[in-house]
């Protein structure tokens, strides 16, 4: 139902939420020896979702390990500045998608009220 009302934006919001959690996990593990930073290729995941693949499977198939610019001696691949940038960019995308969905919901509400 939400897919019909909000199109691909509902899937985009869920994927951005999953990506936010993954990036937050990277940031939280910045000092964990051997931790491998991961991310979701948002575009690839969204394309998979558009083709009818479930959101969890789409996110899983688009998950990638980050390649560090400056490898750490302890095997940790988290580069905090890059993670913070990715988190910020994803947060902006999440906010924009949420604003679109809110606007759509408000328009539908006004239409149902006859305004």
PDB file of N, CA and C in Angstrom:
ATOM      1  N   UNK A   1       0.828  -1.205   0.000  1.00  0.00           N
ATOM      2  CA  UNK A   1       0.000   0.000   0.000  1.00  0.00           C
ATOM      3  C   UNK A   1       0.866   1.261   0.000  1.00  0.00           C
ATOM      4  N   UNK A   2       1.846   1.345   0.928  1.00  0.00           N
ATOM      5  CA  UNK A   2       2.686   2.542   0.968  1.00  0.00           C
ATOM      6  C   UNK A   2       3.480   2.696  -0.326  1.00  0.00           C
ATOM      7  N   UNK A   3       3.810   1.578  -0.967  1.00  0.00           N
ATOM      8  CA  UNK A   3       4.538   1.623  -2.238  1.00  0.00           C
ATOM      9  C   UNK A   3       3.686   2.321  -3.292  1.00  0.00           C
ATOM     10  N   UNK A   4       2.368   2.046  -3.300  1.00  0.00           N
ATOM     11  CA  UNK A   4       1.480   2.685  -4.250  1.00  0.00           C
ATOM     12  C   UNK A   4       1.343   4.181  -3.964  1.00  0.00           C
ATOM     13  N   UNK A   5       1.246   4.536  -2.690  1.00  0.00           N
ATOM     14  CA  UNK A   5       1.053   5.936  -2.317  1.00  0.00           C
ATOM     15  C   UNK A   5       2.317   6.779  -2.487  1.00  0.00           C
ATOM     16  N   UNK A   6       3.457   6.213  -2.118  1.00  0.00           N
ATOM     17  CA  UNK A   6       4.682   6.992  -2.065  1.00  0.00           C
ATOM     18  C   UNK A   6       5.720   6.591  -3.105  1.00  0.00           C
ATOM     19  N   UNK A   7       5.380   5.635  -3.961  1.00  0.00           N
ATOM     20  CA  UNK A   7       6.311   5.204  -4.997  1.00  0.00           C
ATOM     21  C   UNK A   7       7.588   4.646  -4.404  1.00  0.00           C
ATOM     22  N   UNK A   8       8.670   4.942  -5.045  1.00  0.00           N
ATOM     23  CA  UNK A   8       9.964   4.421  -4.624  1.00  0.00           C
ATOM     24  C   UNK A   8      10.478   5.105  -3.361  1.00  0.00           C
ATOM     25  N   UNK A   9       9.850   6.202  -2.965  1.00  0.00           N
ATOM     26  CA  UNK A   9      10.326   6.968  -1.813  1.00  0.00           C
ATOM     27  C   UNK A   9      10.222   6.202  -0.503  1.00  0.00           C
ATOM     28  N   UNK A  10       9.226   5.347  -0.377  1.00  0.00           N
ATOM     29  CA  UNK A  10       9.120   4.534   0.839  1.00  0.00           C
ATOM     30  C   UNK A  10      10.301   3.582   0.938  1.00  0.00           C
ATOM     31  N   UNK A  11      10.666   2.963  -0.170  1.00  0.00           N
ATOM     32  CA  UNK A  11      11.826   2.064  -0.192  1.00  0.00           C
ATOM     33  C   UNK A  11      13.106   2.857   0.057  1.00  0.00           C
ATOM     34  N   UNK A  12      13.203   4.035  -0.529  1.00  0.00           N
ATOM     35  CA  UNK A  12      14.398   4.872  -0.350  1.00  0.00           C
ATOM     36  C   UNK A  12      14.578   5.240   1.117  1.00  0.00           C
ATOM     37  N   UNK A  13      13.488   5.553   1.794  1.00  0.00           N
ATOM     38  CA  UNK A  13      13.567   5.921   3.203  1.00  0.00           C
ATOM     39  C   UNK A  13      14.075   4.746   4.036  1.00  0.00           C
ATOM     40  N   UNK A  14      13.556   3.558   3.774  1.00  0.00           N
ATOM     41  CA  UNK A  14      13.990   2.369   4.503  1.00  0.00           C
ATOM     42  C   UNK A  14      15.457   2.052   4.224  1.00  0.00           C
ATOM     43  N   UNK A  15      15.864   2.148   2.966  1.00  0.00           N
ATOM     44  CA  UNK A  15      17.263   1.874   2.627  1.00  0.00           C
ATOM     45  C   UNK A  15      18.205   2.902   3.253  1.00  0.00           C
ATOM     46  N   UNK A  16      17.792   4.158   3.262  1.00  0.00           N
ATOM     47  CA  UNK A  16      18.621   5.193   3.900  1.00  0.00           C
ATOM     48  C   UNK A  16      18.732   4.935   5.400  1.00  0.00           C
ATOM     49  N   UNK A  17      17.664   4.451   6.004  1.00  0.00           N
ATOM     50  CA  UNK A  17      17.685   4.116   7.424  1.00  0.00           C
ATOM     51  C   UNK A  17      18.657   2.965   7.690  1.00  0.00           C
ATOM     52  N   UNK A  18      18.615   1.937   6.851  1.00  0.00           N
ATOM     53  CA  UNK A  18      19.544   0.817   7.005  1.00  0.00           C
ATOM     54  C   UNK A  18      20.986   1.274   6.809  1.00  0.00           C
ATOM     55  N   UNK A  19      21.199   2.137   5.834  1.00  0.00           N
ATOM     56  CA  UNK A  19      22.548   2.643   5.581  1.00  0.00           C
ATOM     57  C   UNK A  19      23.038   3.474   6.766  1.00  0.00           C
ATOM     58  N   UNK A  20      22.140   4.259   7.357  1.00  0.00           N
ATOM     59  CA  UNK A  20      22.498   5.077   8.509  1.00  0.00           C
ATOM     60  C   UNK A  20      22.981   4.188   9.654  1.00  0.00           C
ATOM     61  N   UNK A  21      22.283   3.075   9.870  1.00  0.00           N
ATOM     62  CA  UNK A  21      22.684   2.154  10.930  1.00  0.00           C
ATOM     63  C   UNK A  21      24.047   1.540  10.671  1.00  0.00           C
ATOM     64  N   UNK A  22      24.323   1.195   9.428  1.00  0.00           N
ATOM     65  CA  UNK A  22      25.605   0.597   9.072  1.00  0.00           C
ATOM     66  C   UNK A  22      26.748   1.593   9.247  1.00  0.00           C
ATOM     67  N   UNK A  23      26.536   2.824   8.823  1.00  0.00           N
ATOM     68  CA  UNK A  23      27.564   3.857   8.979  1.00  0.00           C
ATOM     69  C   UNK A  23      27.785   4.170  10.454  1.00  0.00           C
ATOM     70  N   UNK A  24      26.708   4.218  11.228  1.00  0.00           N
ATOM     71  CA  UNK A  24      26.831   4.465  12.667  1.00  0.00           C
ATOM     72  C   UNK A  24      27.638   3.345  13.333  1.00  0.00           C
ATOM     73  N   UNK A  25      27.434   2.117  12.879  1.00  0.00           N
ATOM     74  CA  UNK A  25      28.200   0.988  13.397  1.00  0.00           C
ATOM     75  C   UNK A  25      29.688   1.148  13.069  1.00  0.00           C
ATOM     76  N   UNK A  26      29.976   1.620  11.868  1.00  0.00           N
ATOM     77  CA  UNK A  26      31.367   1.879  11.495  1.00  0.00           C
ATOM     78  C   UNK A  26      31.993   2.901  12.432  1.00  0.00           C
ATOM     79  N   UNK A  27      31.277   3.983  12.682  1.00  0.00           N
ATOM     80  CA  UNK A  27      31.788   5.048  13.550  1.00  0.00           C
ATOM     81  C   UNK A  27      32.009   4.518  14.961  1.00  0.00           C
ATOM     82  N   UNK A  28      31.065   3.729  15.452  1.00  0.00           N
ATOM     83  CA  UNK A  28      31.172   3.178  16.803  1.00  0.00           C
ATOM     84  C   UNK A  28      32.363   2.229  16.939  1.00  0.00           C
ATOM     85  N   UNK A  29      32.761   1.614  15.849  1.00  0.00           N
ATOM     86  CA  UNK A  29      33.861   0.646  15.883  1.00  0.00           C
ATOM     87  C   UNK A  29      35.171   1.213  15.331  1.00  0.00           C
ATOM     88  N   UNK A  30      35.300   2.512  15.319  1.00  0.00           N
ATOM     89  CA  UNK A  30      36.492   3.159  14.759  1.00  0.00           C
ATOM     90  C   UNK A  30      37.776   2.728  15.459  1.00  0.00           C
ATOM     91  N   UNK A  31      37.704   2.324  16.713  1.00  0.00           N
ATOM     92  CA  UNK A  31      38.900   1.926  17.459  1.00  0.00           C
ATOM     93  C   UNK A  31      38.977   0.414  17.686  1.00  0.00           C
ATOM     94  N   UNK A  32      38.129  -0.353  17.027  1.00  0.00           N
ATOM     95  CA  UNK A  32      38.118  -1.805  17.204  1.00  0.00           C
ATOM     96  C   UNK A  32      39.122  -2.449  16.242  1.00  0.00           C
ATOM     97  N   UNK A  33      40.155  -3.079  16.773  1.00  0.00           N
ATOM     98  CA  UNK A  33      41.138  -3.717  15.895  1.00  0.00           C
ATOM     99  C   UNK A  33      40.485  -4.764  14.984  1.00  0.00           C
ATOM    100  N   UNK A  34      40.847  -4.722  13.717  1.00  0.00           N
ATOM    101  CA  UNK A  34      40.349  -5.701  12.764  1.00  0.00           C
ATOM    102  C   UNK A  34      38.962  -5.433  12.217  1.00  0.00           C
ATOM    103  N   UNK A  35      38.291  -4.379  12.688  1.00  0.00           N
ATOM    104  CA  UNK A  35      36.932  -4.092  12.205  1.00  0.00           C
ATOM    105  C   UNK A  35      36.989  -3.625  10.755  1.00  0.00           C
ATOM    106  N   UNK A  36      36.115  -4.173   9.934  1.00  0.00           N
ATOM    107  CA  UNK A  36      36.059  -3.824   8.509  1.00  0.00           C
ATOM    108  C   UNK A  36      34.837  -2.944   8.260  1.00  0.00           C
ATOM    109  N   UNK A  37      35.076  -1.701   7.853  1.00  0.00           N
ATOM    110  CA  UNK A  37      33.997  -0.751   7.579  1.00  0.00           C
ATOM    111  C   UNK A  37      33.184  -1.213   6.374  1.00  0.00           C
ATOM    112  N   UNK A  38      31.864  -1.083   6.489  1.00  0.00           N
ATOM    113  CA  UNK A  38      30.970  -1.469   5.410  1.00  0.00           C
ATOM    114  C   UNK A  38      30.043  -0.311   5.083  1.00  0.00           C
ATOM    115  N   UNK A  39      29.451  -0.380   3.911  1.00  0.00           N
ATOM    116  CA  UNK A  39      28.486   0.625   3.475  1.00  0.00           C
ATOM    117  C   UNK A  39      27.523  -0.048   2.515  1.00  0.00           C
ATOM    118  N   UNK A  40      26.448   0.631   2.230  1.00  0.00           N
ATOM    119  CA  UNK A  40      25.475   0.159   1.249  1.00  0.00           C
ATOM    120  C   UNK A  40      25.569   1.066   0.035  1.00  0.00           C
ATOM    121  N   UNK A  41      25.714   0.472  -1.135  1.00  0.00           N
ATOM    122  CA  UNK A  41      25.647   1.233  -2.378  1.00  0.00           C
ATOM    123  C   UNK A  41      24.168   1.563  -2.570  1.00  0.00           C
ATOM    124  N   UNK A  42      23.786   2.769  -2.150  1.00  0.00           N
ATOM    125  CA  UNK A  42      22.382   3.156  -2.130  1.00  0.00           C
ATOM    126  C   UNK A  42      21.723   3.041  -3.497  1.00  0.00           C
ATOM    127  N   UNK A  43      22.405   3.498  -4.532  1.00  0.00           N
ATOM    128  CA  UNK A  43      21.847   3.458  -5.891  1.00  0.00           C
ATOM    129  C   UNK A  43      21.582   2.026  -6.326  1.00  0.00           C
ATOM    130  N   UNK A  44      22.547   1.138  -6.092  1.00  0.00           N
ATOM    131  CA  UNK A  44      22.368  -0.272  -6.470  1.00  0.00           C
ATOM    132  C   UNK A  44      21.238  -0.907  -5.678  1.00  0.00           C
ATOM    133  N   UNK A  45      21.153  -0.608  -4.392  1.00  0.00           N
ATOM    134  CA  UNK A  45      20.093  -1.170  -3.554  1.00  0.00           C
ATOM    135  C   UNK A  45      18.720  -0.670  -4.009  1.00  0.00           C
ATOM    136  N   UNK A  46      18.635   0.598  -4.353  1.00  0.00           N
ATOM    137  CA  UNK A  46      17.362   1.157  -4.805  1.00  0.00           C
ATOM    138  C   UNK A  46      16.946   0.553  -6.145  1.00  0.00           C
ATOM    139  N   UNK A  47      17.903   0.349  -7.027  1.00  0.00           N
ATOM    140  CA  UNK A  47      17.589  -0.306  -8.310  1.00  0.00           C
ATOM    141  C   UNK A  47      17.060  -1.719  -8.081  1.00  0.00           C
ATOM    142  N   UNK A  48      17.677  -2.442  -7.168  1.00  0.00           N
ATOM    143  CA  UNK A  48      17.216  -3.798  -6.845  1.00  0.00           C
ATOM    144  C   UNK A  48      15.805  -3.758  -6.286  1.00  0.00           C
ATOM    145  N   UNK A  49      15.531  -2.797  -5.415  1.00  0.00           N
ATOM    146  CA  UNK A  49      14.187  -2.661  -4.841  1.00  0.00           C
ATOM    147  C   UNK A  49      13.163  -2.329  -5.922  1.00  0.00           C
ATOM    148  N   UNK A  50      13.552  -1.509  -6.890  1.00  0.00           N
ATOM    149  CA  UNK A  50      12.651  -1.175  -7.998  1.00  0.00           C
ATOM    150  C   UNK A  50      12.310  -2.403  -8.835  1.00  0.00           C
ATOM    151  N   UNK A  51      13.244  -3.354  -8.907  1.00  0.00           N
ATOM    152  CA  UNK A  51      13.004  -4.581  -9.671  1.00  0.00           C
ATOM    153  C   UNK A  51      12.200  -5.600  -8.873  1.00  0.00           C
ATOM    154  N   UNK A  52      11.778  -5.242  -7.671  1.00  0.00           N
ATOM    155  CA  UNK A  52      10.921  -6.121  -6.894  1.00  0.00           C
ATOM    156  C   UNK A  52      11.636  -6.970  -5.862  1.00  0.00           C
ATOM    157  N   UNK A  53      12.936  -6.800  -5.717  1.00  0.00           N
ATOM    158  CA  UNK A  53      13.667  -7.536  -4.687  1.00  0.00           C
ATOM    159  C   UNK A  53      13.322  -6.905  -3.341  1.00  0.00           C
ATOM    160  N   UNK A  54      13.130  -7.717  -2.325  1.00  0.00           N
ATOM    161  CA  UNK A  54      12.818  -7.208  -0.991  1.00  0.00           C
ATOM    162  C   UNK A  54      13.890  -6.256  -0.490  1.00  0.00           C
ATOM    163  N   UNK A  55      13.497  -5.328   0.368  1.00  0.00           N
ATOM    164  CA  UNK A  55      14.430  -4.306   0.835  1.00  0.00           C
ATOM    165  C   UNK A  55      15.618  -4.887   1.583  1.00  0.00           C
ATOM    166  N   UNK A  56      15.379  -5.885   2.428  1.00  0.00           N
ATOM    167  CA  UNK A  56      16.484  -6.491   3.174  1.00  0.00           C
ATOM    168  C   UNK A  56      17.472  -7.148   2.216  1.00  0.00           C
ATOM    169  N   UNK A  57      16.958  -7.863   1.223  1.00  0.00           N
ATOM    170  CA  UNK A  57      17.829  -8.517   0.242  1.00  0.00           C
ATOM    171  C   UNK A  57      18.532  -7.496  -0.644  1.00  0.00           C
ATOM    172  N   UNK A  58      17.826  -6.429  -0.988  1.00  0.00           N
ATOM    173  CA  UNK A  58      18.425  -5.377  -1.813  1.00  0.00           C
ATOM    174  C   UNK A  58      19.592  -4.726  -1.070  1.00  0.00           C
ATOM    175  N   UNK A  59      19.389  -4.438   0.215  1.00  0.00           N
ATOM    176  CA  UNK A  59      20.451  -3.830   1.019  1.00  0.00           C
ATOM    177  C   UNK A  59      21.620  -4.794   1.185  1.00  0.00           C
ATOM    178  N   UNK A  60      21.307  -6.054   1.423  1.00  0.00           N
ATOM    179  CA  UNK A  60      22.362  -7.054   1.615  1.00  0.00           C
ATOM    180  C   UNK A  60      23.195  -7.227   0.342  1.00  0.00           C
ATOM    181  N   UNK A  61      22.527  -7.264  -0.809  1.00  0.00           N
ATOM    182  CA  UNK A  61      23.260  -7.462  -2.062  1.00  0.00           C
ATOM    183  C   UNK A  61      24.093  -6.236  -2.442  1.00  0.00           C
ATOM    184  N   UNK A  62      23.737  -5.068  -1.917  1.00  0.00           N
ATOM    185  CA  UNK A  62      24.456  -3.832  -2.243  1.00  0.00           C
ATOM    186  C   UNK A  62      25.458  -3.436  -1.155  1.00  0.00           C
ATOM    187  N   UNK A  63      25.605  -4.279  -0.122  1.00  0.00           N
ATOM    188  CA  UNK A  63      26.558  -3.982   0.954  1.00  0.00           C
ATOM    189  C   UNK A  63      27.979  -4.254   0.468  1.00  0.00           C
ATOM    190  N   UNK A  64      28.850  -3.322   0.768  1.00  0.00           N
ATOM    191  CA  UNK A  64      30.242  -3.395   0.333  1.00  0.00           C
ATOM    192  C   UNK A  64      31.177  -3.113   1.500  1.00  0.00           C
ATOM    193  N   UNK A  65      32.371  -3.645   1.429  1.00  0.00           N
ATOM    194  CA  UNK A  65      33.407  -3.259   2.388  1.00  0.00           C
ATOM    195  C   UNK A  65      34.095  -2.022   1.837  1.00  0.00           C
ATOM    196  N   UNK A  66      34.370  -1.074   2.720  1.00  0.00           N
ATOM    197  CA  UNK A  66      35.072   0.141   2.300  1.00  0.00           C
ATOM    198  C   UNK A  66      36.558  -0.166   2.110  1.00  0.00           C
ATOM    199  N   UNK A  67      37.129   0.437   1.105  1.00  0.00           N
ATOM    200  CA  UNK A  67      38.572   0.331   0.867  1.00  0.00           C
ATOM    201  C   UNK A  67      39.223   1.569   1.487  1.00  0.00           C
ATOM    202  N   UNK A  68      40.063   1.386   2.492  1.00  0.00           N
ATOM    203  CA  UNK A  68      40.665   2.540   3.162  1.00  0.00           C
ATOM    204  C   UNK A  68      41.720   3.229   2.295  1.00  0.00           C
ATOM    205  N   UNK A  69      41.816   4.521   2.453  1.00  0.00           N
ATOM    206  CA  UNK A  69      42.851   5.297   1.771  1.00  0.00           C
ATOM    207  C   UNK A  69      44.174   5.106   2.516  1.00  0.00           C
ATOM    208  N   UNK A  70      44.096   5.138   3.832  1.00  0.00           N
ATOM    209  CA  UNK A  70      45.266   4.963   4.694  1.00  0.00           C
ATOM    210  C   UNK A  70      45.010   3.766   5.610  1.00  0.00           C
ATOM    211  N   UNK A  71      45.428   2.567   5.212  1.00  0.00           N
ATOM    212  CA  UNK A  71      45.176   1.382   6.035  1.00  0.00           C
ATOM    213  C   UNK A  71      45.788   1.508   7.432  1.00  0.00           C
ATOM    214  N   UNK A  72      45.079   1.009   8.416  1.00  0.00           N
ATOM    215  CA  UNK A  72      45.529   1.041   9.798  1.00  0.00           C
ATOM    216  C   UNK A  72      46.390  -0.188  10.084  1.00  0.00           C
ATOM    217  N   UNK A  73      47.329  -0.057  10.970  1.00  0.00           N
ATOM    218  CA  UNK A  73      48.210  -1.176  11.328  1.00  0.00           C
ATOM    219  C   UNK A  73      47.449  -2.301  12.026  1.00  0.00           C
ATOM    220  N   UNK A  74      46.353  -1.954  12.714  1.00  0.00           N
ATOM    221  CA  UNK A  74      45.605  -2.985  13.446  1.00  0.00           C
ATOM    222  C   UNK A  74      44.521  -3.661  12.601  1.00  0.00           C
ATOM    223  N   UNK A  75      44.471  -3.342  11.306  1.00  0.00           N
ATOM    224  CA  UNK A  75      43.504  -3.978  10.414  1.00  0.00           C
ATOM    225  C   UNK A  75      42.148  -3.312  10.359  1.00  0.00           C
ATOM    226  N   UNK A  76      41.946  -2.249  11.130  1.00  0.00           N
ATOM    227  CA  UNK A  76      40.678  -1.522  11.115  1.00  0.00           C
ATOM    228  C   UNK A  76      40.631  -0.660   9.855  1.00  0.00           C
ATOM    229  N   UNK A  77      39.516  -0.714   9.125  1.00  0.00           N
ATOM    230  CA  UNK A  77      39.403   0.060   7.881  1.00  0.00           C
ATOM    231  C   UNK A  77      38.495   1.286   8.007  1.00  0.00           C
ATOM    232  N   UNK A  78      38.104   1.626   9.229  1.00  0.00           N
ATOM    233  CA  UNK A  78      37.257   2.808   9.437  1.00  0.00           C
ATOM    234  C   UNK A  78      38.118   4.060   9.344  1.00  0.00           C
ATOM    235  N   UNK A  79      37.720   4.971   8.477  1.00  0.00           N
ATOM    236  CA  UNK A  79      38.351   6.288   8.396  1.00  0.00           C
ATOM    237  C   UNK A  79      37.276   7.281   8.833  1.00  0.00           C
ATOM    238  N   UNK A  80      37.431   7.752  10.046  1.00  0.00           N
ATOM    239  CA  UNK A  80      36.380   8.512  10.716  1.00  0.00           C
ATOM    240  C   UNK A  80      35.857   9.690   9.897  1.00  0.00           C
ATOM    241  N   UNK A  81      36.731  10.445   9.252  1.00  0.00           N
ATOM    242  CA  UNK A  81      36.277  11.597   8.474  1.00  0.00           C
ATOM    243  C   UNK A  81      35.374  11.153   7.324  1.00  0.00           C
ATOM    244  N   UNK A  82      35.746  10.070   6.655  1.00  0.00           N
ATOM    245  CA  UNK A  82      34.928   9.569   5.547  1.00  0.00           C
ATOM    246  C   UNK A  82      33.579   9.063   6.042  1.00  0.00           C
ATOM    247  N   UNK A  83      33.582   8.407   7.184  1.00  0.00           N
ATOM    248  CA  UNK A  83      32.334   7.897   7.757  1.00  0.00           C
ATOM    249  C   UNK A  83      31.407   9.049   8.156  1.00  0.00           C
ATOM    250  N   UNK A  84      31.986  10.073   8.756  1.00  0.00           N
ATOM    251  CA  UNK A  84      31.184  11.227   9.161  1.00  0.00           C
ATOM    252  C   UNK A  84      30.592  11.936   7.949  1.00  0.00           C
ATOM    253  N   UNK A  85      31.368  12.029   6.889  1.00  0.00           N
ATOM    254  CA  UNK A  85      30.869  12.637   5.657  1.00  0.00           C
ATOM    255  C   UNK A  85      29.731  11.797   5.065  1.00  0.00           C
ATOM    256  N   UNK A  86      29.930  10.486   4.992  1.00  0.00           N
ATOM    257  CA  UNK A  86      28.895   9.595   4.463  1.00  0.00           C
ATOM    258  C   UNK A  86      27.632   9.670   5.322  1.00  0.00           C
ATOM    259  N   UNK A  87      27.812   9.737   6.647  1.00  0.00           N
ATOM    260  CA  UNK A  87      26.674   9.839   7.553  1.00  0.00           C
ATOM    261  C   UNK A  87      25.896  11.126   7.293  1.00  0.00           C
ATOM    262  N   UNK A  88      26.621  12.231   7.153  1.00  0.00           N
ATOM    263  CA  UNK A  88      25.972  13.531   6.908  1.00  0.00           C
ATOM    264  C   UNK A  88      25.230  13.545   5.580  1.00  0.00           C
ATOM    265  N   UNK A  89      25.866  13.043   4.537  1.00  0.00           N
ATOM    266  CA  UNK A  89      25.218  13.003   3.220  1.00  0.00           C
ATOM    267  C   UNK A  89      23.966  12.133   3.257  1.00  0.00           C
ATOM    268  N   UNK A  90      24.061  11.005   3.921  1.00  0.00           N
ATOM    269  CA  UNK A  90      22.910  10.114   4.019  1.00  0.00           C
ATOM    270  C   UNK A  90      21.789  10.757   4.836  1.00  0.00           C
ATOM    271  N   UNK A  91      22.154  11.484   5.892  1.00  0.00           N
ATOM    272  CA  UNK A  91      21.155  12.161   6.720  1.00  0.00           C
ATOM    273  C   UNK A  91      20.394  13.218   5.914  1.00  0.00           C
ATOM    274  N   UNK A  92      21.101  13.929   5.041  1.00  0.00           N
ATOM    275  CA  UNK A  92      20.452  14.926   4.184  1.00  0.00           C
ATOM    276  C   UNK A  92      19.480  14.226   3.226  1.00  0.00           C
ATOM    277  N   UNK A  93      19.921  13.134   2.620  1.00  0.00           N
ATOM    278  CA  UNK A  93      19.045  12.366   1.727  1.00  0.00           C
ATOM    279  C   UNK A  93      17.835  11.812   2.458  1.00  0.00           C
ATOM    280  N   UNK A  94      18.040  11.325   3.675  1.00  0.00           N
ATOM    281  CA  UNK A  94      16.944  10.797   4.494  1.00  0.00           C
ATOM    282  C   UNK A  94      15.927  11.897   4.769  1.00  0.00           C
ATOM    283  N   UNK A  95      16.425  13.058   5.160  1.00  0.00           N
ATOM    284  CA  UNK A  95      15.558  14.195   5.470  1.00  0.00           C
ATOM    285  C   UNK A  95      14.760  14.637   4.240  1.00  0.00           C
ATOM    286  N   UNK A  96      15.415  14.704   3.092  1.00  0.00           N
ATOM    287  CA  UNK A  96      14.735  15.115   1.860  1.00  0.00           C
ATOM    288  C   UNK A  96      13.651  14.104   1.475  1.00  0.00           C
ATOM    289  N   UNK A  97      13.959  12.828   1.599  1.00  0.00           N
ATOM    290  CA  UNK A  97      12.974  11.790   1.280  1.00  0.00           C
ATOM    291  C   UNK A  97      11.801  11.862   2.241  1.00  0.00           C
ATOM    292  N   UNK A  98      12.093  12.064   3.510  1.00  0.00           N
ATOM    293  CA  UNK A  98      11.033  12.176   4.516  1.00  0.00           C
ATOM    294  C   UNK A  98      10.150  13.392   4.247  1.00  0.00           C
ATOM    295  N   UNK A  99      10.755  14.499   3.841  1.00  0.00           N
ATOM    296  CA  UNK A  99       9.980  15.701   3.505  1.00  0.00           C
ATOM    297  C   UNK A  99       9.043  15.432   2.330  1.00  0.00           C
ATOM    298  N   UNK A 100       9.529  14.714   1.324  1.00  0.00           N
ATOM    299  CA  UNK A 100       8.681  14.378   0.180  1.00  0.00           C
ATOM    300  C   UNK A 100       7.496  13.532   0.635  1.00  0.00           C
ATOM    301  N   UNK A 101       7.754  12.538   1.445  1.00  0.00           N
ATOM    302  CA  UNK A 101       6.675  11.655   1.924  1.00  0.00           C
ATOM    303  C   UNK A 101       5.681  12.441   2.765  1.00  0.00           C
ATOM    304  N   UNK A 102       6.188  13.318   3.626  1.00  0.00           N
ATOM    305  CA  UNK A 102       5.285  14.161   4.438  1.00  0.00           C
ATOM    306  C   UNK A 102       4.397  15.025   3.547  1.00  0.00           C
ATOM    307  N   UNK A 103       5.010  15.652   2.540  1.00  0.00           N
ATOM    308  CA  UNK A 103       4.247  16.494   1.621  1.00  0.00           C
ATOM    309  C   UNK A 103       3.178  15.702   0.895  1.00  0.00           C
ATOM    310  N   UNK A 104       3.538  14.512   0.470  1.00  0.00           N
ATOM    311  CA  UNK A 104       2.582  13.638  -0.215  1.00  0.00           C
ATOM    312  C   UNK A 104       1.437  13.256   0.720  1.00  0.00           C
ATOM    313  N   UNK A 105       1.762  12.923   1.958  1.00  0.00           N
ATOM    314  CA  UNK A 105       0.735  12.557   2.938  1.00  0.00           C
ATOM    315  C   UNK A 105      -0.186  13.742   3.235  1.00  0.00           C
ATOM    316  N   UNK A 106       0.395  14.923   3.347  1.00  0.00           N
ATOM    317  CA  UNK A 106      -0.418  16.122   3.598  1.00  0.00           C
ATOM    318  C   UNK A 106      -1.350  16.404   2.424  1.00  0.00           C
ATOM    319  N   UNK A 107      -0.855  16.229   1.200  1.00  0.00           N
ATOM    320  CA  UNK A 107      -1.677  16.428   0.004  1.00  0.00           C
ATOM    321  C   UNK A 107      -2.835  15.436  -0.021  1.00  0.00           C
ATOM    322  N   UNK A 108      -2.551  14.196   0.292  1.00  0.00           N
ATOM    323  CA  UNK A 108      -3.612  13.169   0.318  1.00  0.00           C
ATOM    324  C   UNK A 108      -4.634  13.455   1.421  1.00  0.00           C
ATOM    325  N   UNK A 109      -4.153  13.920   2.561  1.00  0.00           N
ATOM    326  CA  UNK A 109      -5.053  14.253   3.667  1.00  0.00           C
ATOM    327  C   UNK A 109      -5.990  15.397   3.278  1.00  0.00           C
ATOM    328  N   UNK A 110      -5.419  16.434   2.635  1.00  0.00           N
ATOM    329  CA  UNK A 110      -6.246  17.556   2.190  1.00  0.00           C
ATOM    330  C   UNK A 110      -7.269  17.098   1.141  1.00  0.00           C
ATOM    331  N   UNK A 111      -6.848  16.217   0.252  1.00  0.00           N
ATOM    332  CA  UNK A 111      -7.759  15.729  -0.777  1.00  0.00           C
ATOM    333  C   UNK A 111      -8.909  14.923  -0.155  1.00  0.00           C
ATOM    334  N   UNK A 112      -8.591  14.131   0.859  1.00  0.00           N
ATOM    335  CA  UNK A 112      -9.641  13.331   1.521  1.00  0.00           C
ATOM    336  C   UNK A 112     -10.608  14.226   2.299  1.00  0.00           C
ATOM    337  N   UNK A 113     -10.100  15.340   2.826  1.00  0.00           N
ATOM    338  CA  UNK A 113     -10.953  16.277   3.556  1.00  0.00           C
ATOM    339  C   UNK A 113     -11.749  17.184   2.605  1.00  0.00           C
ATOM    340  N   UNK A 114     -11.362  17.164   1.339  1.00  0.00           N
ATOM    341  CA  UNK A 114     -12.068  18.004   0.360  1.00  0.00           C
ATOM    342  C   UNK A 114     -11.595  19.438   0.348  1.00  0.00           C
ATOM    343  N   UNK A 115     -10.416  19.678   0.787  1.00  0.00           N
ATOM    344  CA  UNK A 115      -9.858  21.054   0.821  1.00  0.00           C
ATOM    345  C   UNK A 115      -9.284  21.442  -0.511  1.00  0.00           C
TER     346      UNK A 115
END
